[in-house]
């Protein structure tokens, strides 16, 4: 299979989702990688494609990561935005989150 992703993508179960804060508004993160983030933008946040974004992602353990990128895609029907990150979540934090989710939801 031809997978064009450069980074592992972590899909969050609803109770484990971090929050992304942009210009004082908070949105729920659905999935995250070192290079991108997809989140629920709600009914009012409507950035233009390619517009620059600076944000803060807050994880369940209280860790905060500052990220920067641009709008890659906006799905008005689902109210989802995908941000392509130029400065993303560090790899060690991504691996920590992956381990935490696997341990909490592993099937016996």
PDB file of N, CA and C in Angstrom:
ATOM      1  N   UNK A   1       0.832  -1.190   0.000  1.00  0.00           N
ATOM      2  CA  UNK A   1       0.000   0.000   0.000  1.00  0.00           C
ATOM      3  C   UNK A   1       0.874   1.250   0.000  1.00  0.00           C
ATOM      4  N   UNK A   2       0.414   2.262  -0.662  1.00  0.00           N
ATOM      5  CA  UNK A   2       1.129   3.514  -0.773  1.00  0.00           C
ATOM      6  C   UNK A   2       0.552   4.499   0.240  1.00  0.00           C
ATOM      7  N   UNK A   3       1.269   4.710   1.351  1.00  0.00           N
ATOM      8  CA  UNK A   3       0.821   5.640   2.382  1.00  0.00           C
ATOM      9  C   UNK A   3       1.673   6.891   2.291  1.00  0.00           C
ATOM     10  N   UNK A   4       1.056   8.033   2.088  1.00  0.00           N
ATOM     11  CA  UNK A   4       1.784   9.279   1.879  1.00  0.00           C
ATOM     12  C   UNK A   4       2.078  10.014   3.183  1.00  0.00           C
ATOM     13  N   UNK A   5       1.694   9.463   4.304  1.00  0.00           N
ATOM     14  CA  UNK A   5       1.949  10.124   5.578  1.00  0.00           C
ATOM     15  C   UNK A   5       3.424  10.018   5.938  1.00  0.00           C
ATOM     16  N   UNK A   6       3.952  11.110   6.487  1.00  0.00           N
ATOM     17  CA  UNK A   6       5.336  11.129   6.947  1.00  0.00           C
ATOM     18  C   UNK A   6       5.446  10.832   8.440  1.00  0.00           C
ATOM     19  N   UNK A   7       4.313  10.915   9.145  1.00  0.00           N
ATOM     20  CA  UNK A   7       4.319  10.756  10.595  1.00  0.00           C
ATOM     21  C   UNK A   7       3.185   9.832  11.029  1.00  0.00           C
ATOM     22  N   UNK A   8       3.422   9.155  12.151  1.00  0.00           N
ATOM     23  CA  UNK A   8       2.392   8.329  12.772  1.00  0.00           C
ATOM     24  C   UNK A   8       1.266   9.246  13.249  1.00  0.00           C
ATOM     25  N   UNK A   9       0.027   8.823  13.017  1.00  0.00           N
ATOM     26  CA  UNK A   9      -1.146   9.595  13.436  1.00  0.00           C
ATOM     27  C   UNK A   9      -1.819   8.875  14.594  1.00  0.00           C
ATOM     28  N   UNK A  10      -2.022   9.574  15.689  1.00  0.00           N
ATOM     29  CA  UNK A  10      -2.687   9.029  16.874  1.00  0.00           C
ATOM     30  C   UNK A  10      -4.134   9.501  16.879  1.00  0.00           C
ATOM     31  N   UNK A  11      -5.063   8.537  16.808  1.00  0.00           N
ATOM     32  CA  UNK A  11      -6.488   8.856  16.882  1.00  0.00           C
ATOM     33  C   UNK A  11      -6.926   8.676  18.331  1.00  0.00           C
ATOM     34  N   UNK A  12      -7.542   9.695  18.869  1.00  0.00           N
ATOM     35  CA  UNK A  12      -7.901   9.701  20.292  1.00  0.00           C
ATOM     36  C   UNK A  12      -9.314   9.201  20.541  1.00  0.00           C
ATOM     37  N   UNK A  13      -9.467   8.308  21.537  1.00  0.00           N
ATOM     38  CA  UNK A  13     -10.824   7.978  22.001  1.00  0.00           C
ATOM     39  C   UNK A  13     -11.417   9.234  22.661  1.00  0.00           C
ATOM     40  N   UNK A  14     -12.728   9.420  22.581  1.00  0.00           N
ATOM     41  CA  UNK A  14     -13.338  10.655  23.109  1.00  0.00           C
ATOM     42  C   UNK A  14     -12.898  11.082  24.514  1.00  0.00           C
ATOM     43  N   UNK A  15     -12.814  10.183  25.505  1.00  0.00           N
ATOM     44  CA  UNK A  15     -12.443  10.699  26.836  1.00  0.00           C
ATOM     45  C   UNK A  15     -10.966  11.098  26.966  1.00  0.00           C
ATOM     46  N   UNK A  16     -10.146  10.774  25.985  1.00  0.00           N
ATOM     47  CA  UNK A  16      -8.707  11.038  26.070  1.00  0.00           C
ATOM     48  C   UNK A  16      -8.264  12.221  25.221  1.00  0.00           C
ATOM     49  N   UNK A  17      -9.169  12.857  24.544  1.00  0.00           N
ATOM     50  CA  UNK A  17      -8.809  13.892  23.574  1.00  0.00           C
ATOM     51  C   UNK A  17      -8.212  15.139  24.225  1.00  0.00           C
ATOM     52  N   UNK A  18      -7.099  15.605  23.672  1.00  0.00           N
ATOM     53  CA  UNK A  18      -6.553  16.894  24.114  1.00  0.00           C
ATOM     54  C   UNK A  18      -7.373  18.037  23.532  1.00  0.00           C
ATOM     55  N   UNK A  19      -7.035  19.246  23.948  1.00  0.00           N
ATOM     56  CA  UNK A  19      -7.707  20.450  23.454  1.00  0.00           C
ATOM     57  C   UNK A  19      -6.699  21.313  22.729  1.00  0.00           C
ATOM     58  N   UNK A  20      -7.145  21.935  21.651  1.00  0.00           N
ATOM     59  CA  UNK A  20      -6.318  22.918  20.961  1.00  0.00           C
ATOM     60  C   UNK A  20      -6.953  24.279  21.196  1.00  0.00           C
ATOM     61  N   UNK A  21      -6.127  25.246  21.565  1.00  0.00           N
ATOM     62  CA  UNK A  21      -6.618  26.597  21.827  1.00  0.00           C
ATOM     63  C   UNK A  21      -6.042  27.540  20.783  1.00  0.00           C
ATOM     64  N   UNK A  22      -6.933  28.231  20.086  1.00  0.00           N
ATOM     65  CA  UNK A  22      -6.554  29.173  19.038  1.00  0.00           C
ATOM     66  C   UNK A  22      -7.273  30.488  19.310  1.00  0.00           C
ATOM     67  N   UNK A  23      -6.510  31.531  19.480  1.00  0.00           N
ATOM     68  CA  UNK A  23      -7.071  32.873  19.697  1.00  0.00           C
ATOM     69  C   UNK A  23      -8.142  32.885  20.788  1.00  0.00           C
ATOM     70  N   UNK A  24      -7.884  32.189  21.886  1.00  0.00           N
ATOM     71  CA  UNK A  24      -8.802  32.196  23.020  1.00  0.00           C
ATOM     72  C   UNK A  24      -9.959  31.215  22.956  1.00  0.00           C
ATOM     73  N   UNK A  25     -10.110  30.499  21.836  1.00  0.00           N
ATOM     74  CA  UNK A  25     -11.173  29.486  21.716  1.00  0.00           C
ATOM     75  C   UNK A  25     -10.566  28.092  21.797  1.00  0.00           C
ATOM     76  N   UNK A  26     -11.275  27.176  22.473  1.00  0.00           N
ATOM     77  CA  UNK A  26     -10.789  25.802  22.633  1.00  0.00           C
ATOM     78  C   UNK A  26     -11.625  24.847  21.796  1.00  0.00           C
ATOM     79  N   UNK A  27     -10.919  23.867  21.176  1.00  0.00           N
ATOM     80  CA  UNK A  27     -11.562  22.877  20.326  1.00  0.00           C
ATOM     81  C   UNK A  27     -11.001  21.498  20.644  1.00  0.00           C
ATOM     82  N   UNK A  28     -11.838  20.477  20.490  1.00  0.00           N
ATOM     83  CA  UNK A  28     -11.461  19.097  20.778  1.00  0.00           C
ATOM     84  C   UNK A  28     -10.649  18.507  19.621  1.00  0.00           C
ATOM     85  N   UNK A  29      -9.513  17.885  19.950  1.00  0.00           N
ATOM     86  CA  UNK A  29      -8.632  17.260  18.961  1.00  0.00           C
ATOM     87  C   UNK A  29      -9.081  15.825  18.717  1.00  0.00           C
ATOM     88  N   UNK A  30      -9.256  15.461  17.435  1.00  0.00           N
ATOM     89  CA  UNK A  30      -9.633  14.089  17.069  1.00  0.00           C
ATOM     90  C   UNK A  30      -8.411  13.226  16.806  1.00  0.00           C
ATOM     91  N   UNK A  31      -7.465  13.745  16.050  1.00  0.00           N
ATOM     92  CA  UNK A  31      -6.222  13.010  15.829  1.00  0.00           C
ATOM     93  C   UNK A  31      -5.072  13.988  15.663  1.00  0.00           C
ATOM     94  N   UNK A  32      -3.871  13.433  15.878  1.00  0.00           N
ATOM     95  CA  UNK A  32      -2.690  14.270  15.988  1.00  0.00           C
ATOM     96  C   UNK A  32      -1.469  13.501  15.518  1.00  0.00           C
ATOM     97  N   UNK A  33      -0.567  14.199  14.859  1.00  0.00           N
ATOM     98  CA  UNK A  33       0.742  13.651  14.523  1.00  0.00           C
ATOM     99  C   UNK A  33       1.765  14.768  14.727  1.00  0.00           C
ATOM    100  N   UNK A  34       3.031  14.465  14.525  1.00  0.00           N
ATOM    101  CA  UNK A  34       4.048  15.507  14.618  1.00  0.00           C
ATOM    102  C   UNK A  34       3.840  16.570  13.540  1.00  0.00           C
ATOM    103  N   UNK A  35       3.187  16.184  12.450  1.00  0.00           N
ATOM    104  CA  UNK A  35       3.045  17.088  11.319  1.00  0.00           C
ATOM    105  C   UNK A  35       1.665  17.646  11.078  1.00  0.00           C
ATOM    106  N   UNK A  36       0.673  17.251  11.889  1.00  0.00           N
ATOM    107  CA  UNK A  36      -0.670  17.756  11.644  1.00  0.00           C
ATOM    108  C   UNK A  36      -1.626  17.483  12.779  1.00  0.00           C
ATOM    109  N   UNK A  37      -2.740  18.180  12.758  1.00  0.00           N
ATOM    110  CA  UNK A  37      -3.774  18.010  13.778  1.00  0.00           C
ATOM    111  C   UNK A  37      -5.140  18.199  13.121  1.00  0.00           C
ATOM    112  N   UNK A  38      -6.098  17.341  13.505  1.00  0.00           N
ATOM    113  CA  UNK A  38      -7.484  17.469  13.034  1.00  0.00           C
ATOM    114  C   UNK A  38      -8.350  17.688  14.263  1.00  0.00           C
ATOM    115  N   UNK A  39      -9.200  18.704  14.190  1.00  0.00           N
ATOM    116  CA  UNK A  39     -10.023  19.026  15.353  1.00  0.00           C
ATOM    117  C   UNK A  39     -11.388  19.537  14.934  1.00  0.00           C
ATOM    118  N   UNK A  40     -12.310  19.510  15.902  1.00  0.00           N
ATOM    119  CA  UNK A  40     -13.673  20.020  15.728  1.00  0.00           C
ATOM    120  C   UNK A  40     -13.610  21.532  15.895  1.00  0.00           C
ATOM    121  N   UNK A  41     -14.018  22.274  14.879  1.00  0.00           N
ATOM    122  CA  UNK A  41     -13.877  23.736  14.919  1.00  0.00           C
ATOM    123  C   UNK A  41     -15.128  24.452  15.387  1.00  0.00           C
ATOM    124  N   UNK A  42     -16.197  23.720  15.645  1.00  0.00           N
ATOM    125  CA  UNK A  42     -17.413  24.377  16.091  1.00  0.00           C
ATOM    126  C   UNK A  42     -18.065  25.186  14.986  1.00  0.00           C
ATOM    127  N   UNK A  43     -19.169  25.842  15.289  1.00  0.00           N
ATOM    128  CA  UNK A  43     -19.932  26.529  14.239  1.00  0.00           C
ATOM    129  C   UNK A  43     -19.410  27.912  13.859  1.00  0.00           C
ATOM    130  N   UNK A  44     -18.474  28.487  14.615  1.00  0.00           N
ATOM    131  CA  UNK A  44     -18.089  29.873  14.350  1.00  0.00           C
ATOM    132  C   UNK A  44     -16.677  30.067  13.815  1.00  0.00           C
ATOM    133  N   UNK A  45     -15.775  29.149  14.061  1.00  0.00           N
ATOM    134  CA  UNK A  45     -14.375  29.301  13.631  1.00  0.00           C
ATOM    135  C   UNK A  45     -14.240  28.857  12.183  1.00  0.00           C
ATOM    136  N   UNK A  46     -13.938  29.778  11.297  1.00  0.00           N
ATOM    137  CA  UNK A  46     -13.871  29.490   9.861  1.00  0.00           C
ATOM    138  C   UNK A  46     -12.624  30.118   9.236  1.00  0.00           C
ATOM    139  N   UNK A  47     -11.435  29.560   9.468  1.00  0.00           N
ATOM    140  CA  UNK A  47     -10.236  30.144   8.864  1.00  0.00           C
ATOM    141  C   UNK A  47     -10.166  29.837   7.367  1.00  0.00           C
ATOM    142  N   UNK A  48      -9.538  30.712   6.638  1.00  0.00           N
ATOM    143  CA  UNK A  48      -9.361  30.514   5.199  1.00  0.00           C
ATOM    144  C   UNK A  48      -8.271  29.472   4.948  1.00  0.00           C
ATOM    145  N   UNK A  49      -8.368  28.723   3.848  1.00  0.00           N
ATOM    146  CA  UNK A  49      -7.304  27.777   3.497  1.00  0.00           C
ATOM    147  C   UNK A  49      -5.951  28.489   3.435  1.00  0.00           C
ATOM    148  N   UNK A  50      -4.948  27.802   3.938  1.00  0.00           N
ATOM    149  CA  UNK A  50      -3.553  28.271   3.963  1.00  0.00           C
ATOM    150  C   UNK A  50      -3.306  29.399   4.960  1.00  0.00           C
ATOM    151  N   UNK A  51      -4.328  29.804   5.715  1.00  0.00           N
ATOM    152  CA  UNK A  51      -4.097  30.867   6.691  1.00  0.00           C
ATOM    153  C   UNK A  51      -3.208  30.352   7.821  1.00  0.00           C
ATOM    154  N   UNK A  52      -2.309  31.195   8.329  1.00  0.00           N
ATOM    155  CA  UNK A  52      -1.407  30.776   9.401  1.00  0.00           C
ATOM    156  C   UNK A  52      -2.158  30.608  10.718  1.00  0.00           C
ATOM    157  N   UNK A  53      -1.713  29.623  11.488  1.00  0.00           N
ATOM    158  CA  UNK A  53      -2.335  29.320  12.784  1.00  0.00           C
ATOM    159  C   UNK A  53      -1.235  29.142  13.829  1.00  0.00           C
ATOM    160  N   UNK A  54      -1.405  29.776  14.965  1.00  0.00           N
ATOM    161  CA  UNK A  54      -0.579  29.513  16.143  1.00  0.00           C
ATOM    162  C   UNK A  54      -1.536  29.027  17.216  1.00  0.00           C
ATOM    163  N   UNK A  55      -1.151  27.951  17.897  1.00  0.00           N
ATOM    164  CA  UNK A  55      -2.076  27.348  18.853  1.00  0.00           C
ATOM    165  C   UNK A  55      -1.327  26.706  20.007  1.00  0.00           C
ATOM    166  N   UNK A  56      -2.112  26.345  21.001  1.00  0.00           N
ATOM    167  CA  UNK A  56      -1.604  25.640  22.174  1.00  0.00           C
ATOM    168  C   UNK A  56      -2.417  24.357  22.301  1.00  0.00           C
ATOM    169  N   UNK A  57      -1.730  23.213  22.397  1.00  0.00           N
ATOM    170  CA  UNK A  57      -2.410  21.931  22.612  1.00  0.00           C
ATOM    171  C   UNK A  57      -2.172  21.520  24.056  1.00  0.00           C
ATOM    172  N   UNK A  58      -3.267  21.246  24.772  1.00  0.00           N
ATOM    173  CA  UNK A  58      -3.185  20.826  26.172  1.00  0.00           C
ATOM    174  C   UNK A  58      -3.636  19.375  26.264  1.00  0.00           C
ATOM    175  N   UNK A  59      -2.750  18.541  26.794  1.00  0.00           N
ATOM    176  CA  UNK A  59      -3.012  17.107  26.922  1.00  0.00           C
ATOM    177  C   UNK A  59      -3.636  16.792  28.277  1.00  0.00           C
ATOM    178  N   UNK A  60      -4.188  15.596  28.423  1.00  0.00           N
ATOM    179  CA  UNK A  60      -4.872  15.182  29.651  1.00  0.00           C
ATOM    180  C   UNK A  60      -3.970  15.246  30.877  1.00  0.00           C
ATOM    181  N   UNK A  61      -2.640  15.047  30.685  1.00  0.00           N
ATOM    182  CA  UNK A  61      -1.721  15.087  31.824  1.00  0.00           C
ATOM    183  C   UNK A  61      -1.290  16.509  32.174  1.00  0.00           C
ATOM    184  N   UNK A  62      -1.835  17.507  31.467  1.00  0.00           N
ATOM    185  CA  UNK A  62      -1.512  18.900  31.733  1.00  0.00           C
ATOM    186  C   UNK A  62      -0.374  19.457  30.889  1.00  0.00           C
ATOM    187  N   UNK A  63       0.309  18.604  30.136  1.00  0.00           N
ATOM    188  CA  UNK A  63       1.382  19.061  29.257  1.00  0.00           C
ATOM    189  C   UNK A  63       0.814  19.979  28.184  1.00  0.00           C
ATOM    190  N   UNK A  64       1.526  21.055  27.922  1.00  0.00           N
ATOM    191  CA  UNK A  64       1.115  22.020  26.892  1.00  0.00           C
ATOM    192  C   UNK A  64       2.209  22.086  25.831  1.00  0.00           C
ATOM    193  N   UNK A  65       1.808  22.002  24.574  1.00  0.00           N
ATOM    194  CA  UNK A  65       2.731  22.140  23.446  1.00  0.00           C
ATOM    195  C   UNK A  65       2.249  23.292  22.570  1.00  0.00           C
ATOM    196  N   UNK A  66       3.166  24.195  22.249  1.00  0.00           N
ATOM    197  CA  UNK A  66       2.853  25.279  21.335  1.00  0.00           C
ATOM    198  C   UNK A  66       3.122  24.786  19.920  1.00  0.00           C
ATOM    199  N   UNK A  67       2.172  25.003  19.019  1.00  0.00           N
ATOM    200  CA  UNK A  67       2.297  24.546  17.640  1.00  0.00           C
ATOM    201  C   UNK A  67       2.034  25.709  16.693  1.00  0.00           C
ATOM    202  N   UNK A  68       2.543  25.544  15.465  1.00  0.00           N
ATOM    203  CA  UNK A  68       2.363  26.584  14.457  1.00  0.00           C
ATOM    204  C   UNK A  68       2.255  25.910  13.099  1.00  0.00           C
ATOM    205  N   UNK A  69       1.361  26.413  12.268  1.00  0.00           N
ATOM    206  CA  UNK A  69       1.203  25.836  10.944  1.00  0.00           C
ATOM    207  C   UNK A  69       0.227  26.633  10.113  1.00  0.00           C
ATOM    208  N   UNK A  70      -0.414  25.942   9.171  1.00  0.00           N
ATOM    209  CA  UNK A  70      -1.392  26.600   8.309  1.00  0.00           C
ATOM    210  C   UNK A  70      -2.545  25.648   8.020  1.00  0.00           C
ATOM    211  N   UNK A  71      -3.684  26.232   7.694  1.00  0.00           N
ATOM    212  CA  UNK A  71      -4.884  25.448   7.422  1.00  0.00           C
ATOM    213  C   UNK A  71      -4.676  24.668   6.128  1.00  0.00           C
ATOM    214  N   UNK A  72      -4.777  23.352   6.224  1.00  0.00           N
ATOM    215  CA  UNK A  72      -4.659  22.490   5.052  1.00  0.00           C
ATOM    216  C   UNK A  72      -6.032  22.244   4.444  1.00  0.00           C
ATOM    217  N   UNK A  73      -7.008  21.927   5.327  1.00  0.00           N
ATOM    218  CA  UNK A  73      -8.338  21.570   4.843  1.00  0.00           C
ATOM    219  C   UNK A  73      -9.387  21.944   5.878  1.00  0.00           C
ATOM    220  N   UNK A  74     -10.553  22.332   5.372  1.00  0.00           N
ATOM    221  CA  UNK A  74     -11.691  22.642   6.229  1.00  0.00           C
ATOM    222  C   UNK A  74     -12.901  21.892   5.680  1.00  0.00           C
ATOM    223  N   UNK A  75     -13.530  21.090   6.526  1.00  0.00           N
ATOM    224  CA  UNK A  75     -14.726  20.334   6.148  1.00  0.00           C
ATOM    225  C   UNK A  75     -15.921  20.983   6.842  1.00  0.00           C
ATOM    226  N   UNK A  76     -16.654  21.820   6.111  1.00  0.00           N
ATOM    227  CA  UNK A  76     -17.778  22.561   6.692  1.00  0.00           C
ATOM    228  C   UNK A  76     -18.892  21.639   7.165  1.00  0.00           C
ATOM    229  N   UNK A  77     -19.102  20.521   6.474  1.00  0.00           N
ATOM    230  CA  UNK A  77     -20.177  19.588   6.835  1.00  0.00           C
ATOM    231  C   UNK A  77     -19.930  18.965   8.212  1.00  0.00           C
ATOM    232  N   UNK A  78     -18.695  18.556   8.472  1.00  0.00           N
ATOM    233  CA  UNK A  78     -18.356  17.927   9.758  1.00  0.00           C
ATOM    234  C   UNK A  78     -17.821  18.920  10.770  1.00  0.00           C
ATOM    235  N   UNK A  79     -17.569  20.149  10.352  1.00  0.00           N
ATOM    236  CA  UNK A  79     -16.926  21.161  11.201  1.00  0.00           C
ATOM    237  C   UNK A  79     -15.551  20.706  11.681  1.00  0.00           C
ATOM    238  N   UNK A  80     -14.770  20.130  10.780  1.00  0.00           N
ATOM    239  CA  UNK A  80     -13.411  19.697  11.088  1.00  0.00           C
ATOM    240  C   UNK A  80     -12.411  20.555  10.335  1.00  0.00           C
ATOM    241  N   UNK A  81     -11.303  20.837  10.991  1.00  0.00           N
ATOM    242  CA  UNK A  81     -10.198  21.556  10.359  1.00  0.00           C
ATOM    243  C   UNK A  81      -8.947  20.698  10.503  1.00  0.00           C
ATOM    244  N   UNK A  82      -8.147  20.681   9.453  1.00  0.00           N
ATOM    245  CA  UNK A  82      -6.849  20.019   9.496  1.00  0.00           C
ATOM    246  C   UNK A  82      -5.789  21.096   9.330  1.00  0.00           C
ATOM    247  N   UNK A  83      -4.877  21.126  10.277  1.00  0.00           N
ATOM    248  CA  UNK A  83      -3.763  22.068  10.260  1.00  0.00           C
ATOM    249  C   UNK A  83      -2.491  21.294   9.935  1.00  0.00           C
ATOM    250  N   UNK A  84      -1.768  21.738   8.936  1.00  0.00           N
ATOM    251  CA  UNK A  84      -0.456  21.203   8.608  1.00  0.00           C
ATOM    252  C   UNK A  84       0.538  21.951   9.481  1.00  0.00           C
ATOM    253  N   UNK A  85       1.247  21.224  10.337  1.00  0.00           N
ATOM    254  CA  UNK A  85       2.107  21.866  11.326  1.00  0.00           C
ATOM    255  C   UNK A  85       3.544  22.031  10.828  1.00  0.00           C
ATOM    256  N   UNK A  86       4.049  23.258  10.927  1.00  0.00           N
ATOM    257  CA  UNK A  86       5.461  23.533  10.665  1.00  0.00           C
ATOM    258  C   UNK A  86       6.251  23.292  11.947  1.00  0.00           C
ATOM    259  N   UNK A  87       5.644  23.622  13.071  1.00  0.00           N
ATOM    260  CA  UNK A  87       6.190  23.341  14.400  1.00  0.00           C
ATOM    261  C   UNK A  87       5.122  22.546  15.121  1.00  0.00           C
ATOM    262  N   UNK A  88       5.397  21.262  15.340  1.00  0.00           N
ATOM    263  CA  UNK A  88       4.385  20.388  15.913  1.00  0.00           C
ATOM    264  C   UNK A  88       4.746  19.862  17.290  1.00  0.00           C
ATOM    265  N   UNK A  89       4.020  18.833  17.684  1.00  0.00           N
ATOM    266  CA  UNK A  89       4.243  18.170  18.969  1.00  0.00           C
ATOM    267  C   UNK A  89       5.528  17.350  18.862  1.00  0.00           C
ATOM    268  N   UNK A  90       6.425  17.467  19.831  1.00  0.00           N
ATOM    269  CA  UNK A  90       7.679  16.717  19.769  1.00  0.00           C
ATOM    270  C   UNK A  90       7.451  15.197  19.766  1.00  0.00           C
ATOM    271  N   UNK A  91       8.327  14.495  19.077  1.00  0.00           N
ATOM    272  CA  UNK A  91       8.243  13.040  18.949  1.00  0.00           C
ATOM    273  C   UNK A  91       8.148  12.335  20.314  1.00  0.00           C
ATOM    274  N   UNK A  92       8.972  12.695  21.306  1.00  0.00           N
ATOM    275  CA  UNK A  92       8.843  12.003  22.605  1.00  0.00           C
ATOM    276  C   UNK A  92       7.446  12.131  23.222  1.00  0.00           C
ATOM    277  N   UNK A  93       6.816  13.290  23.067  1.00  0.00           N
ATOM    278  CA  UNK A  93       5.461  13.471  23.610  1.00  0.00           C
ATOM    279  C   UNK A  93       4.465  12.620  22.834  1.00  0.00           C
ATOM    280  N   UNK A  94       4.633  12.537  21.503  1.00  0.00           N
ATOM    281  CA  UNK A  94       3.757  11.683  20.700  1.00  0.00           C
ATOM    282  C   UNK A  94       3.870  10.228  21.150  1.00  0.00           C
ATOM    283  N   UNK A  95       5.078   9.762  21.392  1.00  0.00           N
ATOM    284  CA  UNK A  95       5.273   8.371  21.821  1.00  0.00           C
ATOM    285  C   UNK A  95       4.692   8.140  23.224  1.00  0.00           C
ATOM    286  N   UNK A  96       4.855   9.118  24.095  1.00  0.00           N
ATOM    287  CA  UNK A  96       4.277   9.032  25.448  1.00  0.00           C
ATOM    288  C   UNK A  96       2.751   8.914  25.362  1.00  0.00           C
ATOM    289  N   UNK A  97       2.135   9.729  24.530  1.00  0.00           N
ATOM    290  CA  UNK A  97       0.680   9.686  24.348  1.00  0.00           C
ATOM    291  C   UNK A  97       0.251   8.329  23.766  1.00  0.00           C
ATOM    292  N   UNK A  98       1.005   7.839  22.781  1.00  0.00           N
ATOM    293  CA  UNK A  98       0.699   6.547  22.165  1.00  0.00           C
ATOM    294  C   UNK A  98       0.742   5.425  23.206  1.00  0.00           C
ATOM    295  N   UNK A  99       1.804   5.391  24.010  1.00  0.00           N
ATOM    296  CA  UNK A  99       1.927   4.365  25.070  1.00  0.00           C
ATOM    297  C   UNK A  99       0.769   4.467  26.067  1.00  0.00           C
ATOM    298  N   UNK A 100       0.444   5.698  26.459  1.00  0.00           N
ATOM    299  CA  UNK A 100      -0.628   5.909  27.445  1.00  0.00           C
ATOM    300  C   UNK A 100      -1.966   5.376  26.921  1.00  0.00           C
ATOM    301  N   UNK A 101      -2.284   5.688  25.680  1.00  0.00           N
ATOM    302  CA  UNK A 101      -3.557   5.245  25.087  1.00  0.00           C
ATOM    303  C   UNK A 101      -3.561   3.722  24.935  1.00  0.00           C
ATOM    304  N   UNK A 102      -2.454   3.157  24.458  1.00  0.00           N
ATOM    305  CA  UNK A 102      -2.372   1.695  24.304  1.00  0.00           C
ATOM    306  C   UNK A 102      -2.559   0.981  25.632  1.00  0.00           C
ATOM    307  N   UNK A 103      -1.884   1.475  26.669  1.00  0.00           N
ATOM    308  CA  UNK A 103      -1.994   0.839  27.979  1.00  0.00           C
ATOM    309  C   UNK A 103      -3.401   0.937  28.555  1.00  0.00           C
ATOM    310  N   UNK A 104      -4.001   2.087  28.409  1.00  0.00           N
ATOM    311  CA  UNK A 104      -5.337   2.291  28.976  1.00  0.00           C
ATOM    312  C   UNK A 104      -6.410   1.487  28.252  1.00  0.00           C
ATOM    313  N   UNK A 105      -6.242   1.299  26.944  1.00  0.00           N
ATOM    314  CA  UNK A 105      -7.285   0.654  26.146  1.00  0.00           C
ATOM    315  C   UNK A 105      -6.866  -0.675  25.560  1.00  0.00           C
ATOM    316  N   UNK A 106      -5.787  -1.269  26.068  1.00  0.00           N
ATOM    317  CA  UNK A 106      -5.359  -2.545  25.509  1.00  0.00           C
ATOM    318  C   UNK A 106      -6.380  -3.640  25.810  1.00  0.00           C
ATOM    319  N   UNK A 107      -6.541  -4.508  24.840  1.00  0.00           N
ATOM    320  CA  UNK A 107      -7.462  -5.643  24.967  1.00  0.00           C
ATOM    321  C   UNK A 107      -6.711  -6.834  25.548  1.00  0.00           C
ATOM    322  N   UNK A 108      -7.266  -7.469  26.547  1.00  0.00           N
ATOM    323  CA  UNK A 108      -6.645  -8.671  27.129  1.00  0.00           C
ATOM    324  C   UNK A 108      -7.070  -9.913  26.396  1.00  0.00           C
TER     325      UNK A 108
END
